Amino acid sequence: IPTVATVRWTADQMLRRLLPSGAEPLWTDPTGGVQLAEVHTSPAWVGHKISRLQEETGVRVAFLTRLGEAVLPTSQTVLQEGDLVHVMMRTDEVEKVEAAFAKGPEEGGH
């Protein structure tokens, strides 16, 4: 059965796309040590494999939103323009992860 998102949820999603403000926590484990968050990525990551993104940033990519659809990526999945990246990461490493995602891949990488 097709459903329509609520106005509040839709407005929140639009604002998050228009006004990126770092990682957007979607879930935190009961201890507060690990969180699932949408992290904004530099265009420099486009064309690179998920495996490289994970190795260089220390996160686990839980899923991507690509063209409005949820995608469970493999290590061979290549990031495309417009992908929204949702990652599992340690809560105490959010700033480090945001910086790595904003910077792009290391020169001469894998």
N, C-alpha and C. Protein backbone atom coordinates (compact mmCIF):
# COMPACT_ATOMS: atom_id res chain seq x y z
N ILE A 1 0.85 -1.18 0.00
CA ILE A 1 0.00 0.00 0.00
C ILE A 1 0.90 1.24 0.00
N PRO A 2 0.78 2.09 -1.00
CA PRO A 2 1.58 3.33 -1.00
C PRO A 2 1.15 4.24 0.14
N THR A 3 2.14 4.88 0.74
CA THR A 3 1.85 5.81 1.83
C THR A 3 2.48 7.15 1.52
N VAL A 4 2.02 8.16 2.22
CA VAL A 4 2.55 9.52 2.05
C VAL A 4 3.21 9.92 3.36
N ALA A 5 4.42 10.47 3.29
CA ALA A 5 5.13 10.89 4.49
C ALA A 5 4.41 12.08 5.13
N THR A 6 4.59 12.19 6.43
CA THR A 6 3.99 13.32 7.14
C THR A 6 4.66 14.62 6.73
N VAL A 7 3.96 15.71 6.91
CA VAL A 7 4.51 17.02 6.56
C VAL A 7 5.75 17.32 7.39
N ARG A 8 5.70 17.02 8.69
CA ARG A 8 6.85 17.28 9.57
C ARG A 8 8.09 16.52 9.09
N TRP A 9 7.94 15.21 8.80
CA TRP A 9 9.08 14.41 8.35
C TRP A 9 9.62 14.94 7.02
N THR A 10 8.73 15.23 6.09
CA THR A 10 9.14 15.73 4.77
C THR A 10 9.87 17.06 4.90
N ALA A 11 9.34 17.98 5.72
CA ALA A 11 10.00 19.28 5.93
C ALA A 11 11.37 19.09 6.56
N ASP A 12 11.47 18.18 7.54
CA ASP A 12 12.77 17.91 8.18
C ASP A 12 13.77 17.39 7.16
N GLN A 13 13.36 16.46 6.32
CA GLN A 13 14.26 15.91 5.31
C GLN A 13 14.71 16.98 4.32
N MET A 14 13.82 17.86 3.91
CA MET A 14 14.18 18.93 2.98
C MET A 14 15.18 19.88 3.63
N LEU A 15 14.95 20.27 4.86
CA LEU A 15 15.88 21.18 5.54
C LEU A 15 17.24 20.53 5.74
N ARG A 16 17.26 19.24 6.06
CA ARG A 16 18.55 18.55 6.24
C ARG A 16 19.35 18.55 4.94
N ARG A 17 18.68 18.47 3.80
CA ARG A 17 19.39 18.48 2.51
C ARG A 17 19.85 19.89 2.15
N LEU A 18 19.06 20.89 2.51
CA LEU A 18 19.39 22.27 2.17
C LEU A 18 20.41 22.89 3.11
N LEU A 19 20.36 22.52 4.37
CA LEU A 19 21.22 23.12 5.39
C LEU A 19 22.04 22.05 6.10
N PRO A 20 23.02 21.45 5.43
CA PRO A 20 23.81 20.41 6.08
C PRO A 20 24.48 20.96 7.34
N SER A 21 24.38 20.20 8.42
CA SER A 21 24.97 20.66 9.67
C SER A 21 25.74 19.54 10.34
N GLY A 22 26.53 18.81 9.58
CA GLY A 22 27.30 17.72 10.16
C GLY A 22 26.49 16.45 10.19
N ALA A 23 26.99 15.49 10.96
CA ALA A 23 26.33 14.19 11.06
C ALA A 23 24.96 14.35 11.70
N GLU A 24 24.00 13.65 11.15
CA GLU A 24 22.64 13.67 11.68
C GLU A 24 22.38 12.33 12.35
N PRO A 25 22.43 12.27 13.71
CA PRO A 25 22.20 10.99 14.39
C PRO A 25 20.78 10.48 14.16
N LEU A 26 20.67 9.22 13.77
CA LEU A 26 19.37 8.60 13.54
C LEU A 26 19.03 7.60 14.64
N TRP A 27 20.08 7.03 15.28
CA TRP A 27 19.90 6.04 16.32
C TRP A 27 21.17 6.00 17.15
N THR A 28 21.04 5.80 18.45
CA THR A 28 22.18 5.64 19.35
C THR A 28 21.92 4.40 20.20
N ASP A 29 22.96 3.58 20.41
CA ASP A 29 22.77 2.39 21.23
C ASP A 29 22.53 2.81 22.68
N PRO A 30 21.98 1.91 23.50
CA PRO A 30 21.64 2.27 24.89
C PRO A 30 22.82 2.79 25.72
N THR A 31 24.03 2.39 25.41
CA THR A 31 25.18 2.86 26.18
C THR A 31 25.67 4.23 25.70
N GLY A 32 25.20 4.64 24.52
CA GLY A 32 25.63 5.92 23.95
C GLY A 32 26.98 5.86 23.27
N GLY A 33 27.55 4.66 23.12
CA GLY A 33 28.88 4.52 22.54
C GLY A 33 28.92 4.45 21.02
N VAL A 34 27.82 4.01 20.41
CA VAL A 34 27.77 3.84 18.96
C VAL A 34 26.50 4.49 18.44
N GLN A 35 26.62 5.10 17.27
CA GLN A 35 25.43 5.70 16.67
C GLN A 35 25.37 5.44 15.18
N LEU A 36 24.14 5.47 14.67
CA LEU A 36 23.88 5.43 13.24
C LEU A 36 23.59 6.86 12.85
N ALA A 37 24.28 7.36 11.84
CA ALA A 37 24.09 8.75 11.44
C ALA A 37 24.27 8.91 9.94
N GLU A 38 23.59 9.92 9.40
CA GLU A 38 23.82 10.33 8.02
C GLU A 38 24.97 11.33 8.08
N VAL A 39 26.03 11.07 7.33
CA VAL A 39 27.19 11.96 7.32
C VAL A 39 27.33 12.55 5.93
N HIS A 40 27.46 13.86 5.87
CA HIS A 40 27.61 14.54 4.59
C HIS A 40 29.01 14.28 4.04
N THR A 41 29.09 13.93 2.75
CA THR A 41 30.36 13.58 2.13
C THR A 41 30.79 14.62 1.11
N SER A 42 32.10 14.80 1.02
CA SER A 42 32.68 15.68 0.02
C SER A 42 32.47 15.06 -1.36
N PRO A 43 32.27 15.89 -2.39
CA PRO A 43 32.18 15.35 -3.75
C PRO A 43 33.44 14.59 -4.16
N ALA A 44 34.54 14.80 -3.44
CA ALA A 44 35.79 14.10 -3.74
C ALA A 44 35.66 12.59 -3.55
N TRP A 45 34.69 12.14 -2.74
CA TRP A 45 34.50 10.70 -2.53
C TRP A 45 33.75 10.04 -3.69
N VAL A 46 33.07 10.81 -4.52
CA VAL A 46 32.32 10.24 -5.65
C VAL A 46 33.29 9.49 -6.56
N GLY A 47 32.91 8.27 -6.93
CA GLY A 47 33.76 7.44 -7.78
C GLY A 47 34.66 6.50 -7.00
N HIS A 48 34.64 6.58 -5.67
CA HIS A 48 35.46 5.70 -4.83
C HIS A 48 34.59 4.62 -4.21
N LYS A 49 35.20 3.45 -3.94
CA LYS A 49 34.48 2.32 -3.37
C LYS A 49 34.17 2.55 -1.89
N ILE A 50 33.07 1.95 -1.46
CA ILE A 50 32.68 1.97 -0.05
C ILE A 50 33.82 1.43 0.82
N SER A 51 34.53 0.39 0.34
CA SER A 51 35.61 -0.20 1.13
C SER A 51 36.68 0.84 1.45
N ARG A 52 37.00 1.72 0.51
CA ARG A 52 38.00 2.75 0.76
C ARG A 52 37.48 3.77 1.77
N LEU A 53 36.24 4.17 1.63
CA LEU A 53 35.63 5.11 2.56
C LEU A 53 35.68 4.55 3.99
N GLN A 54 35.35 3.27 4.14
CA GLN A 54 35.37 2.64 5.46
C GLN A 54 36.79 2.56 6.02
N GLU A 55 37.75 2.16 5.19
CA GLU A 55 39.14 2.02 5.65
C GLU A 55 39.72 3.35 6.11
N GLU A 56 39.46 4.41 5.36
CA GLU A 56 40.07 5.71 5.66
C GLU A 56 39.36 6.47 6.78
N THR A 57 38.09 6.15 7.05
CA THR A 57 37.36 6.91 8.06
C THR A 57 37.05 6.11 9.33
N GLY A 58 37.19 4.78 9.27
CA GLY A 58 36.93 3.96 10.45
C GLY A 58 35.46 3.72 10.75
N VAL A 59 34.59 3.92 9.77
CA VAL A 59 33.15 3.70 9.96
C VAL A 59 32.72 2.42 9.26
N ARG A 60 31.49 2.03 9.48
CA ARG A 60 30.84 0.97 8.72
C ARG A 60 29.64 1.60 8.03
N VAL A 61 29.61 1.49 6.72
CA VAL A 61 28.47 2.04 5.98
C VAL A 61 27.31 1.07 6.16
N ALA A 62 26.24 1.55 6.79
CA ALA A 62 25.07 0.71 7.03
C ALA A 62 24.20 0.61 5.78
N PHE A 63 23.97 1.78 5.15
CA PHE A 63 23.21 1.80 3.91
C PHE A 63 23.39 3.16 3.23
N LEU A 64 23.00 3.21 1.97
CA LEU A 64 22.99 4.45 1.19
C LEU A 64 21.55 4.76 0.82
N THR A 65 21.26 6.01 0.64
CA THR A 65 20.01 6.39 -0.01
C THR A 65 20.43 6.91 -1.38
N ARG A 66 20.02 6.20 -2.41
CA ARG A 66 20.39 6.54 -3.79
C ARG A 66 19.12 6.71 -4.60
N LEU A 67 18.95 7.92 -5.13
CA LEU A 67 17.77 8.23 -5.93
C LEU A 67 16.49 7.91 -5.17
N GLY A 68 16.50 8.19 -3.85
CA GLY A 68 15.32 7.99 -3.03
C GLY A 68 15.08 6.57 -2.56
N GLU A 69 15.96 5.64 -2.93
CA GLU A 69 15.81 4.24 -2.53
C GLU A 69 16.93 3.84 -1.58
N ALA A 70 16.61 3.05 -0.57
CA ALA A 70 17.63 2.52 0.34
C ALA A 70 18.40 1.42 -0.37
N VAL A 71 19.73 1.46 -0.25
CA VAL A 71 20.60 0.48 -0.90
C VAL A 71 21.55 -0.10 0.15
N LEU A 72 21.62 -1.43 0.23
CA LEU A 72 22.61 -2.07 1.09
C LEU A 72 23.86 -2.29 0.24
N PRO A 73 24.91 -1.49 0.45
CA PRO A 73 26.08 -1.58 -0.41
C PRO A 73 26.99 -2.75 -0.03
N THR A 74 27.80 -3.15 -0.99
CA THR A 74 28.87 -4.11 -0.72
C THR A 74 30.16 -3.31 -0.68
N SER A 75 31.26 -3.97 -0.38
CA SER A 75 32.54 -3.27 -0.35
C SER A 75 32.93 -2.76 -1.74
N GLN A 76 32.34 -3.34 -2.79
CA GLN A 76 32.66 -2.94 -4.16
C GLN A 76 31.75 -1.82 -4.69
N THR A 77 30.71 -1.47 -3.94
CA THR A 77 29.81 -0.40 -4.36
C THR A 77 30.59 0.90 -4.46
N VAL A 78 30.35 1.64 -5.54
CA VAL A 78 31.04 2.91 -5.78
C VAL A 78 30.07 4.05 -5.45
N LEU A 79 30.56 5.03 -4.70
CA LEU A 79 29.72 6.18 -4.36
C LEU A 79 29.41 6.98 -5.60
N GLN A 80 28.15 7.40 -5.72
CA GLN A 80 27.71 8.21 -6.84
C GLN A 80 27.26 9.58 -6.35
N GLU A 81 27.24 10.53 -7.26
CA GLU A 81 26.78 11.87 -6.92
C GLU A 81 25.34 11.78 -6.40
N GLY A 82 25.07 12.45 -5.30
CA GLY A 82 23.73 12.46 -4.72
C GLY A 82 23.47 11.39 -3.69
N ASP A 83 24.39 10.44 -3.52
CA ASP A 83 24.21 9.40 -2.50
C ASP A 83 24.21 10.03 -1.11
N LEU A 84 23.30 9.56 -0.27
CA LEU A 84 23.31 9.93 1.14
C LEU A 84 23.88 8.73 1.88
N VAL A 85 24.94 8.95 2.66
CA VAL A 85 25.66 7.86 3.31
C VAL A 85 25.26 7.79 4.78
N HIS A 86 24.80 6.61 5.20
CA HIS A 86 24.39 6.37 6.59
C HIS A 86 25.39 5.39 7.19
N VAL A 87 26.06 5.80 8.26
CA VAL A 87 27.14 5.01 8.82
C VAL A 87 26.93 4.69 10.30
N MET A 88 27.55 3.59 10.72
CA MET A 88 27.66 3.26 12.14
C MET A 88 29.05 3.72 12.55
N MET A 89 29.12 4.46 13.68
CA MET A 89 30.41 4.95 14.15
C MET A 89 30.36 5.14 15.66
N ARG A 90 31.55 5.21 16.25
CA ARG A 90 31.66 5.48 17.68
C ARG A 90 31.24 6.93 17.92
N THR A 91 30.45 7.16 18.93
CA THR A 91 29.96 8.49 19.24
C THR A 91 31.10 9.46 19.54
N ASP A 92 32.17 8.96 20.16
CA ASP A 92 33.30 9.84 20.50
C ASP A 92 34.19 10.16 19.30
N GLU A 93 33.87 9.62 18.12
CA GLU A 93 34.66 9.88 16.92
C GLU A 93 33.89 10.66 15.85
N VAL A 94 32.74 11.21 16.21
CA VAL A 94 31.90 11.91 15.22
C VAL A 94 32.67 13.04 14.54
N GLU A 95 33.35 13.88 15.29
CA GLU A 95 34.06 15.01 14.68
C GLU A 95 35.17 14.54 13.76
N LYS A 96 35.90 13.51 14.15
CA LYS A 96 36.97 12.95 13.31
C LYS A 96 36.38 12.40 12.01
N VAL A 97 35.28 11.69 12.11
CA VAL A 97 34.63 11.11 10.93
C VAL A 97 34.11 12.21 10.01
N GLU A 98 33.44 13.22 10.58
CA GLU A 98 32.95 14.33 9.76
C GLU A 98 34.09 14.98 8.99
N ALA A 99 35.23 15.18 9.65
CA ALA A 99 36.39 15.82 9.00
C ALA A 99 36.91 14.95 7.86
N ALA A 100 36.97 13.64 8.05
CA ALA A 100 37.46 12.73 7.01
C ALA A 100 36.50 12.69 5.82
N PHE A 101 35.20 12.72 6.10
CA PHE A 101 34.20 12.72 5.02
C PHE A 101 34.26 14.04 4.25
N ALA A 102 34.50 15.13 4.94
CA ALA A 102 34.56 16.45 4.29
C ALA A 102 35.84 16.62 3.48
N LYS A 103 36.92 16.03 3.93
CA LYS A 103 38.22 16.18 3.28
C LYS A 103 38.31 15.41 1.97
N GLY A 104 37.79 14.22 1.93
CA GLY A 104 37.92 13.38 0.75
C GLY A 104 38.99 12.35 0.96
N PRO A 105 39.19 11.46 -0.02
CA PRO A 105 40.18 10.39 0.11
C PRO A 105 41.61 10.91 0.15
N GLU A 106 42.46 10.13 0.82
CA GLU A 106 43.87 10.50 0.89
C GLU A 106 44.51 10.36 -0.48
N GLU A 107 45.47 11.23 -0.75
CA GLU A 107 46.18 11.20 -2.04
C GLU A 107 46.91 9.87 -2.20
N GLY A 108 46.91 9.36 -3.43
CA GLY A 108 47.65 8.15 -3.74
C GLY A 108 47.13 6.92 -3.03
N GLY A 109 45.87 6.95 -2.60
CA GLY A 109 45.29 5.86 -1.82
C GLY A 109 45.28 4.54 -2.54
N HIS A 110 44.46 3.65 -2.10
CA HIS A 110 44.42 2.24 -2.49
C HIS A 110 44.00 2.05 -3.91
